[in-house]
Amino acid sequence: MAKTKNNSSKVKKELEALSAAAEKNNMKRFTLAKKRLKIVCEELFLNLVAAVEIEYDGEGDSGDITDIVFRDANGDLSKYEPPQFLKDTLMDSCYVFLPAGFEIDWGGFGVLNIDTRKNQIEITHSARCMETSTEVMEYEF
């Protein structure tokens, strides 16, 4: 039988380095998204948009942002229509905040509420779950 070389410690170090790099990359994406959102919120606030509601929905390994609503300080629809590049930046940045796996299997849906005055996001998320019921039946014959 052939003798195998034990590389466990080397493999472990390589995997730890890759995990650390991935975590660092995720933190960079998160930090960049927050900076971009702050700039967008400042522009929206200057144009009297007090809040943004972003709806998302996903299932079956696919998910997307389905609607964006801009509201004024009274909660009414804003008269301001942001240019497309602001909407695109807003959507791209918000994907970072969506719950991981919201599009997997039965998926989930929700709303990201952005307060442009406070530069704050509140996420209300609902996960779809499959319910099962088991019955045991016995018959004599």
Protein backbone atom coordinates (compact mmCIF):
# COMPACT_ATOMS: atom_id res chain seq x y z
CA MET A 1 0.00 0.00 0.00
CA ALA A 2 1.32 3.44 -0.92
CA LYS A 3 2.30 5.73 1.88
CA THR A 4 0.50 9.12 1.93
CA LYS A 5 2.07 12.33 3.08
CA ASN A 6 0.26 14.17 5.86
CA ASN A 7 -0.27 17.76 4.69
CA SER A 8 -2.97 18.60 7.23
CA SER A 9 -1.18 21.54 8.83
CA LYS A 10 -0.22 23.03 5.45
CA VAL A 11 -3.76 22.62 4.10
CA LYS A 12 -5.21 24.11 7.28
CA LYS A 13 -2.95 27.19 6.98
CA GLU A 14 -3.88 27.67 3.30
CA LEU A 15 -7.58 27.39 4.08
CA GLU A 16 -7.31 29.81 7.00
CA ALA A 17 -5.48 32.32 4.77
CA LEU A 18 -8.18 32.03 2.10
CA SER A 19 -10.93 32.43 4.69
CA ALA A 20 -9.23 35.53 6.11
CA ALA A 21 -8.90 36.99 2.60
CA ALA A 22 -12.57 36.28 1.86
CA GLU A 23 -13.63 37.92 5.13
CA LYS A 24 -11.46 40.94 4.38
CA ASN A 25 -13.04 41.20 0.91
CA ASN A 26 -16.55 41.00 2.42
CA MET A 27 -15.69 43.75 4.89
CA LYS A 28 -14.39 45.92 2.04
CA ARG A 29 -17.62 45.37 0.08
CA PHE A 30 -19.70 46.22 3.17
CA THR A 31 -17.65 49.35 3.93
CA LEU A 32 -17.81 50.50 0.31
CA ALA A 33 -21.58 49.93 0.19
CA LYS A 34 -22.05 52.02 3.35
CA LYS A 35 -19.97 54.87 1.89
CA ARG A 36 -21.90 54.78 -1.39
CA LEU A 37 -25.24 54.74 0.45
CA LYS A 38 -24.22 57.74 2.53
CA ILE A 39 -23.49 59.76 -0.61
CA VAL A 40 -26.78 58.69 -2.21
CA CYS A 41 -28.73 59.49 0.98
CA GLU A 42 -27.18 62.96 1.17
CA GLU A 43 -28.30 63.66 -2.41
CA LEU A 44 -31.78 62.28 -1.78
CA PHE A 45 -32.13 64.28 1.45
CA LEU A 46 -31.11 67.49 -0.36
CA ASN A 47 -33.97 66.75 -2.78
CA LEU A 48 -36.48 66.30 0.07
CA VAL A 49 -36.53 62.50 0.05
CA ALA A 50 -36.73 61.44 3.71
CA ALA A 51 -37.15 57.69 3.25
CA VAL A 52 -36.64 54.95 0.70
CA GLU A 53 -38.47 51.61 0.73
CA ILE A 54 -36.79 48.82 -1.20
CA GLU A 55 -38.71 45.58 -1.60
CA TYR A 56 -36.96 42.31 -2.47
CA ASP A 57 -38.15 38.79 -3.14
CA GLY A 58 -36.40 35.53 -3.92
CA GLU A 59 -36.94 31.80 -4.28
CA GLY A 60 -35.73 28.88 -6.36
CA ASP A 61 -32.14 30.16 -6.45
CA SER A 62 -33.16 33.52 -7.92
CA GLY A 63 -33.86 36.81 -6.20
CA ASP A 64 -34.12 40.47 -7.00
CA ILE A 65 -35.08 43.92 -5.81
CA THR A 66 -38.67 44.26 -6.98
CA ASP A 67 -39.61 47.85 -6.13
CA ILE A 68 -38.17 51.15 -4.90
CA VAL A 69 -40.36 53.87 -3.41
CA PHE A 70 -39.13 57.35 -2.45
CA ARG A 71 -41.05 59.20 0.30
CA ASP A 72 -41.00 62.75 1.61
CA ALA A 73 -40.96 63.76 5.29
CA ASN A 74 -44.76 63.32 5.51
CA GLY A 75 -44.55 59.75 4.25
CA ASP A 76 -46.10 60.69 0.90
CA LEU A 77 -44.62 59.69 -2.43
CA SER A 78 -41.78 62.04 -3.26
CA LYS A 79 -42.10 64.36 -6.24
CA TYR A 80 -38.37 63.96 -6.84
CA GLU A 81 -37.40 61.36 -9.44
CA PRO A 82 -33.72 60.46 -8.89
CA PRO A 83 -31.54 60.00 -11.96
CA GLN A 84 -30.95 56.40 -13.01
CA PHE A 85 -27.32 56.35 -11.83
CA LEU A 86 -28.50 57.12 -8.26
CA LYS A 87 -31.10 54.36 -8.42
CA ASP A 88 -28.51 51.92 -9.77
CA THR A 89 -26.02 52.83 -7.03
CA LEU A 90 -28.75 52.48 -4.43
CA MET A 91 -29.75 49.01 -5.67
CA ASP A 92 -26.16 47.78 -6.05
CA SER A 93 -25.25 48.97 -2.56
CA CYS A 94 -28.35 47.49 -0.93
CA TYR A 95 -27.66 43.96 -2.22
CA VAL A 96 -24.83 43.76 0.33
CA PHE A 97 -27.38 44.17 3.16
CA LEU A 98 -29.88 41.56 1.93
CA PRO A 99 -30.06 38.48 4.18
CA ALA A 100 -27.80 35.70 2.96
CA GLY A 101 -29.75 32.97 1.21
CA PHE A 102 -32.96 34.95 0.73
CA GLU A 103 -33.18 33.42 -2.74
CA ILE A 104 -32.44 29.79 -1.81
CA ASP A 105 -35.17 27.11 -2.02
CA TRP A 106 -38.48 28.66 -0.88
CA GLY A 107 -36.59 31.86 -0.28
CA GLY A 108 -37.71 34.95 1.45
CA PHE A 109 -38.87 38.49 0.95
CA GLY A 110 -38.79 41.79 2.74
CA VAL A 111 -38.26 45.51 2.80
CA LEU A 112 -35.18 47.63 3.41
CA ASN A 113 -36.29 50.94 4.90
CA ILE A 114 -33.69 53.67 4.53
CA ASP A 115 -33.89 56.82 6.62
CA THR A 116 -31.94 59.44 4.64
CA ARG A 117 -31.84 61.82 7.63
CA LYS A 118 -30.19 59.28 9.95
CA ASN A 119 -28.26 57.33 7.28
CA GLN A 120 -29.80 54.17 8.69
CA ILE A 121 -31.26 50.96 7.23
CA GLU A 122 -33.89 48.80 8.88
CA ILE A 123 -34.60 45.42 7.29
CA THR A 124 -37.84 43.52 7.77
CA HIS A 125 -37.31 39.99 6.44
CA SER A 126 -39.69 37.05 6.10
CA ALA A 127 -38.37 33.58 5.32
CA ARG A 128 -40.57 31.09 3.53
CA CYS A 129 -40.57 27.68 5.19
CA MET A 130 -42.01 24.36 4.17
CA GLU A 131 -44.20 22.76 6.79
CA THR A 132 -44.41 18.99 7.00
CA SER A 133 -46.75 16.69 8.82
CA THR A 134 -46.11 13.02 9.46
CA GLU A 135 -48.74 10.42 10.16
CA VAL A 136 -48.20 6.77 10.97
CA MET A 137 -51.03 4.46 10.06
CA GLU A 138 -51.29 0.79 10.82
CA TYR A 139 -53.69 -1.74 9.37
CA GLU A 140 -54.28 -5.34 10.11
CA PHE A 141 -55.07 -7.71 7.32
